[in-house]
N, C-alpha and C. Protein backbone atom coordinates (compact mmCIF):
# COMPACT_ATOMS: atom_id res chain seq x y z
N UNK A 1 18.76 -3.20 -5.44
CA UNK A 1 17.42 -3.15 -5.75
C UNK A 1 16.77 -4.53 -6.11
N UNK A 2 15.79 -4.83 -5.52
CA UNK A 2 15.04 -6.10 -5.79
C UNK A 2 14.26 -5.96 -7.00
N UNK A 3 14.39 -7.08 -7.90
CA UNK A 3 13.58 -6.93 -9.19
C UNK A 3 12.17 -7.36 -8.92
N UNK A 4 11.38 -6.51 -9.37
CA UNK A 4 9.92 -6.70 -9.18
C UNK A 4 9.14 -6.24 -10.40
N UNK A 5 8.09 -6.98 -10.71
CA UNK A 5 7.36 -6.57 -11.80
C UNK A 5 5.85 -6.35 -11.48
N UNK A 6 5.26 -5.33 -11.79
CA UNK A 6 3.91 -5.00 -11.39
C UNK A 6 2.94 -5.14 -12.70
N UNK A 7 1.74 -5.97 -12.51
CA UNK A 7 0.92 -6.04 -13.52
C UNK A 7 -0.48 -5.50 -13.04
N UNK A 8 -0.98 -4.49 -13.66
CA UNK A 8 -2.28 -3.83 -13.21
C UNK A 8 -3.44 -4.76 -13.59
N UNK A 9 -4.20 -5.19 -12.53
CA UNK A 9 -5.51 -5.92 -12.72
C UNK A 9 -6.62 -5.05 -12.93
N UNK A 10 -6.87 -4.23 -11.97
CA UNK A 10 -8.01 -3.24 -12.10
C UNK A 10 -7.75 -1.98 -11.34
N UNK A 11 -8.44 -0.97 -11.85
CA UNK A 11 -8.45 0.36 -11.17
C UNK A 11 -9.92 0.71 -10.97
N UNK A 12 -10.28 1.48 -9.86
CA UNK A 12 -11.62 1.85 -9.66
C UNK A 12 -11.44 3.33 -9.07
N UNK A 13 -12.12 4.27 -9.70
CA UNK A 13 -12.15 5.64 -9.37
C UNK A 13 -13.24 5.78 -8.12
N UNK A 14 -12.74 6.42 -7.07
CA UNK A 14 -13.66 6.58 -5.96
C UNK A 14 -13.67 8.21 -5.78
N UNK A 15 -14.41 8.89 -6.53
CA UNK A 15 -14.31 10.41 -6.63
C UNK A 15 -14.86 11.07 -5.15
N UNK A 16 -15.62 10.38 -4.52
CA UNK A 16 -16.23 11.00 -3.22
C UNK A 16 -15.03 11.09 -2.16
N UNK A 17 -14.17 10.01 -2.34
CA UNK A 17 -13.09 9.82 -1.34
C UNK A 17 -11.81 10.46 -2.00
N UNK A 18 -11.90 10.94 -3.17
CA UNK A 18 -10.58 11.57 -3.77
C UNK A 18 -9.53 10.61 -3.90
N UNK A 19 -9.88 9.34 -4.43
CA UNK A 19 -8.87 8.35 -4.61
C UNK A 19 -9.12 7.41 -5.67
N UNK A 20 -8.12 6.65 -6.05
CA UNK A 20 -8.26 5.55 -6.99
C UNK A 20 -7.81 4.31 -6.21
N UNK A 21 -8.61 3.25 -6.40
CA UNK A 21 -8.22 1.96 -5.86
C UNK A 21 -7.63 1.12 -6.95
N UNK A 22 -6.32 0.57 -6.56
CA UNK A 22 -5.49 -0.21 -7.66
C UNK A 22 -5.42 -1.67 -7.05
N UNK A 23 -5.74 -2.56 -7.78
CA UNK A 23 -5.42 -3.89 -7.57
C UNK A 23 -4.56 -4.43 -8.68
N UNK A 24 -3.33 -4.99 -8.16
CA UNK A 24 -2.35 -5.47 -9.03
C UNK A 24 -1.72 -6.69 -8.57
N UNK A 25 -1.01 -7.41 -9.50
CA UNK A 25 -0.23 -8.56 -9.25
C UNK A 25 1.16 -8.15 -9.21
N UNK A 26 1.96 -8.69 -8.27
CA UNK A 26 3.35 -8.30 -8.11
C UNK A 26 4.18 -9.56 -8.25
N UNK A 27 5.10 -9.62 -9.12
CA UNK A 27 6.09 -10.77 -9.17
C UNK A 27 7.47 -10.18 -8.65
N UNK A 28 8.03 -11.09 -7.96
CA UNK A 28 9.31 -10.75 -7.23
C UNK A 28 10.26 -11.99 -7.30
N UNK A 29 11.58 -11.69 -6.94
CA UNK A 29 12.64 -12.79 -7.03
C UNK A 29 12.78 -13.36 -5.64
N UNK A 30 12.90 -12.63 -4.52
CA UNK A 30 13.48 -13.25 -3.21
C UNK A 30 12.27 -13.02 -2.35
N UNK A 31 12.44 -12.44 -1.17
CA UNK A 31 11.43 -12.36 -0.14
C UNK A 31 10.24 -11.36 -0.64
N UNK A 32 9.17 -11.45 0.09
CA UNK A 32 8.05 -10.48 -0.25
C UNK A 32 8.51 -9.15 0.01
N UNK A 33 8.39 -8.10 -0.81
CA UNK A 33 8.93 -6.77 -0.69
C UNK A 33 8.00 -6.06 0.35
N UNK A 34 8.71 -5.07 1.04
CA UNK A 34 8.05 -4.22 2.05
C UNK A 34 7.01 -3.36 1.50
N UNK A 35 6.15 -2.77 2.23
CA UNK A 35 5.12 -1.90 1.83
C UNK A 35 5.84 -0.54 1.14
N UNK A 36 6.82 -0.09 1.66
CA UNK A 36 7.57 0.91 1.20
C UNK A 36 8.27 0.64 -0.25
N UNK A 37 8.64 -0.48 -0.43
CA UNK A 37 9.20 -0.88 -1.82
C UNK A 37 8.08 -0.90 -2.87
N UNK A 38 6.94 -1.54 -2.42
CA UNK A 38 5.83 -1.64 -3.33
C UNK A 38 5.23 -0.28 -3.63
N UNK A 39 5.21 0.75 -2.65
CA UNK A 39 4.73 1.95 -2.85
C UNK A 39 5.62 2.75 -3.91
N UNK A 40 7.00 2.58 -3.82
CA UNK A 40 7.86 3.11 -4.77
C UNK A 40 7.55 2.70 -6.17
N UNK A 41 7.27 1.30 -6.21
CA UNK A 41 6.96 0.69 -7.56
C UNK A 41 5.82 1.25 -8.07
N UNK A 42 4.64 1.38 -7.37
CA UNK A 42 3.45 1.88 -7.75
C UNK A 42 3.52 3.26 -8.20
N UNK A 43 4.42 4.11 -7.47
CA UNK A 43 4.55 5.51 -7.71
C UNK A 43 5.26 5.58 -9.09
N UNK A 44 6.15 4.73 -9.38
CA UNK A 44 6.82 4.90 -10.78
C UNK A 44 5.96 4.36 -11.77
N UNK A 45 5.13 3.40 -11.63
CA UNK A 45 4.17 2.86 -12.57
C UNK A 45 3.05 3.73 -12.87
N UNK A 46 2.51 4.36 -11.83
CA UNK A 46 1.43 5.31 -12.02
C UNK A 46 1.69 6.86 -12.28
N UNK A 47 3.00 7.15 -12.26
CA UNK A 47 3.56 8.43 -12.42
C UNK A 47 2.95 9.56 -11.40
N UNK A 48 2.81 8.97 -10.21
CA UNK A 48 2.34 9.87 -9.02
C UNK A 48 3.40 9.91 -8.04
N UNK A 49 3.22 10.85 -7.09
CA UNK A 49 4.14 11.05 -5.91
C UNK A 49 3.88 9.88 -4.98
N UNK A 50 5.10 9.37 -4.45
CA UNK A 50 4.90 8.32 -3.45
C UNK A 50 4.26 8.65 -2.16
N UNK A 51 4.11 9.90 -1.95
CA UNK A 51 3.39 10.29 -0.56
C UNK A 51 1.93 10.15 -0.77
N UNK A 52 1.40 10.11 -2.02
CA UNK A 52 -0.01 10.05 -2.29
C UNK A 52 -0.50 8.48 -2.29
N UNK A 53 0.31 7.65 -2.08
CA UNK A 53 0.10 6.17 -2.27
C UNK A 53 0.02 5.51 -0.87
N UNK A 54 -0.97 4.82 -0.64
CA UNK A 54 -1.30 3.97 0.61
C UNK A 54 -1.47 2.48 0.24
N UNK A 55 -0.61 1.68 0.74
CA UNK A 55 -0.68 0.23 0.41
C UNK A 55 -1.59 -0.35 1.53
N UNK A 56 -2.64 -1.06 1.14
CA UNK A 56 -3.61 -1.56 2.18
C UNK A 56 -3.20 -3.09 2.52
N UNK A 57 -3.00 -3.78 1.39
CA UNK A 57 -2.59 -5.22 1.59
C UNK A 57 -1.73 -5.63 0.54
N UNK A 58 -0.81 -6.66 1.04
CA UNK A 58 -0.06 -7.55 0.13
C UNK A 58 -0.25 -8.93 0.52
N UNK A 59 -0.99 -9.61 -0.28
CA UNK A 59 -1.39 -10.95 -0.06
C UNK A 59 -0.49 -11.83 -0.83
N UNK A 60 0.45 -12.54 -0.18
CA UNK A 60 1.51 -13.43 -0.69
C UNK A 60 0.80 -14.78 -0.99
N UNK A 61 0.95 -15.33 -2.25
CA UNK A 61 0.56 -16.58 -2.51
C UNK A 61 1.74 -17.65 -2.16
N UNK A 62 1.32 -18.48 -1.19
CA UNK A 62 2.24 -19.54 -0.67
C UNK A 62 3.01 -20.15 -1.79
N UNK A 63 4.27 -20.32 -1.66
CA UNK A 63 4.99 -21.11 -2.48
C UNK A 63 5.32 -20.47 -3.84
N UNK A 64 4.75 -19.30 -4.17
CA UNK A 64 4.97 -18.67 -5.27
C UNK A 64 5.77 -17.43 -5.10
N UNK A 65 6.28 -16.92 -6.16
CA UNK A 65 6.99 -15.62 -6.01
C UNK A 65 6.03 -14.30 -6.68
N UNK A 66 4.77 -14.50 -6.12
CA UNK A 66 3.75 -13.64 -6.54
C UNK A 66 3.01 -13.32 -5.41
N UNK A 67 2.36 -12.04 -5.52
CA UNK A 67 1.56 -11.47 -4.46
C UNK A 67 0.50 -10.55 -5.07
N UNK A 68 -0.71 -10.42 -4.44
CA UNK A 68 -1.70 -9.58 -4.91
C UNK A 68 -1.69 -8.40 -4.11
N UNK A 69 -1.75 -7.16 -4.53
CA UNK A 69 -1.56 -5.85 -3.84
C UNK A 69 -2.81 -5.03 -4.02
N UNK A 70 -3.30 -4.57 -2.92
CA UNK A 70 -4.35 -3.55 -2.93
C UNK A 70 -3.88 -2.33 -2.29
N UNK A 71 -4.02 -1.14 -3.18
CA UNK A 71 -3.42 0.12 -2.86
C UNK A 71 -4.41 1.18 -3.21
N UNK A 72 -4.23 2.34 -2.51
CA UNK A 72 -5.06 3.56 -2.88
C UNK A 72 -4.05 4.69 -3.40
N UNK A 73 -4.42 5.35 -4.43
CA UNK A 73 -3.70 6.47 -4.92
C UNK A 73 -4.64 7.71 -4.63
N UNK A 74 -4.21 8.58 -3.73
CA UNK A 74 -4.99 9.79 -3.41
C UNK A 74 -4.74 10.94 -4.23
N UNK A 75 -5.60 11.94 -4.35
CA UNK A 75 -5.45 13.09 -5.19
C UNK A 75 -4.50 14.19 -4.56
N UNK A 76 -4.61 14.30 -3.15
CA UNK A 76 -3.78 15.15 -2.56
C UNK A 76 -3.36 14.61 -1.09
N UNK A 77 -2.19 15.07 -0.61
CA UNK A 77 -1.77 14.52 0.64
C UNK A 77 -2.59 14.58 1.86
N UNK A 78 -3.24 15.79 1.92
CA UNK A 78 -4.14 16.16 3.13
C UNK A 78 -5.38 15.14 3.07
N UNK A 79 -5.91 14.74 1.95
CA UNK A 79 -6.89 13.69 1.99
C UNK A 79 -6.48 12.39 2.42
N UNK A 80 -5.33 11.98 1.96
CA UNK A 80 -4.61 10.75 2.44
C UNK A 80 -4.51 10.82 4.08
N UNK A 81 -3.99 11.85 4.61
CA UNK A 81 -3.82 11.94 6.00
C UNK A 81 -5.13 11.89 6.62
N UNK A 82 -6.20 12.38 6.27
CA UNK A 82 -7.56 12.34 6.80
C UNK A 82 -8.05 10.92 6.73
N UNK A 83 -7.83 10.18 5.59
CA UNK A 83 -8.54 8.89 5.38
C UNK A 83 -7.76 7.76 5.90
N UNK A 84 -6.52 7.74 5.89
CA UNK A 84 -5.62 6.52 6.30
C UNK A 84 -5.53 6.36 7.66
N UNK A 85 -5.59 5.18 8.32
CA UNK A 85 -5.41 5.02 9.71
C UNK A 85 -4.02 5.36 10.06
N UNK A 86 -3.90 5.96 11.28
CA UNK A 86 -2.51 6.29 11.72
C UNK A 86 -1.96 5.04 12.63
N UNK A 87 -1.14 4.35 11.98
CA UNK A 87 -0.61 3.00 12.56
C UNK A 87 0.21 3.43 13.89
N UNK A 88 1.11 4.43 13.66
CA UNK A 88 1.84 4.84 14.92
C UNK A 88 1.01 5.14 16.19
N UNK A 89 0.05 5.91 15.94
CA UNK A 89 -0.76 6.28 17.03
C UNK A 89 -1.58 5.06 17.54
N UNK A 90 -2.05 4.12 16.74
CA UNK A 90 -2.74 2.95 17.21
C UNK A 90 -1.80 2.09 17.98
N UNK A 91 -0.61 2.00 17.49
CA UNK A 91 0.46 1.14 18.27
C UNK A 91 0.75 1.78 19.63
N UNK A 92 0.90 3.03 19.68
CA UNK A 92 1.12 3.75 21.06
C UNK A 92 -0.11 3.51 22.02
N UNK A 93 -1.25 3.47 21.50
CA UNK A 93 -2.49 3.31 22.33
C UNK A 93 -2.53 1.87 22.80
N UNK A 94 -2.11 1.02 21.99
CA UNK A 94 -2.01 -0.49 22.42
C UNK A 94 -0.95 -0.71 23.40
N UNK A 95 0.06 -0.10 23.31
CA UNK A 95 1.16 -0.26 24.28
C UNK A 95 0.75 0.38 25.64
N UNK A 96 0.11 1.50 25.65
CA UNK A 96 -0.41 2.05 26.87
C UNK A 96 -1.38 1.21 27.50
N UNK A 97 -2.27 0.59 26.86
CA UNK A 97 -3.34 -0.27 27.30
C UNK A 97 -2.67 -1.51 28.00
N UNK A 98 -1.79 -2.11 27.30
CA UNK A 98 -1.00 -3.13 27.70
C UNK A 98 -0.21 -2.87 29.13
N UNK A 99 0.29 -1.73 29.26
CA UNK A 99 1.07 -1.33 30.41
C UNK A 99 0.07 -1.14 31.69
N UNK A 100 -1.26 -0.70 31.47
CA UNK A 100 -2.16 -0.51 32.45
C UNK A 100 -2.71 -1.74 33.09
N UNK A 101 -2.58 -2.92 32.31
CA UNK A 101 -3.06 -4.15 32.91
C UNK A 101 -2.10 -4.94 33.56
């Protein structure tokens, strides 16, 4: 397990979208952690289910062992599925377009 520390900078309720935006600072020891590792850490920090968390960005500060994280915590899983882009589908479409040319 990689040692990471999460410091909450701000939270913003977005009731129309049934989610909360979280901006936080992440300190880590080795390489920049993956989205999955950060989602697990935010789930533990916010006491929410990991399935309800969507990581939007991890901005690594060059030369430092710190990163700024932007994430959304949804109220239910169906809302998350509706709002979040489907990365796998986008990738498949891009691959099909590349094969046609």
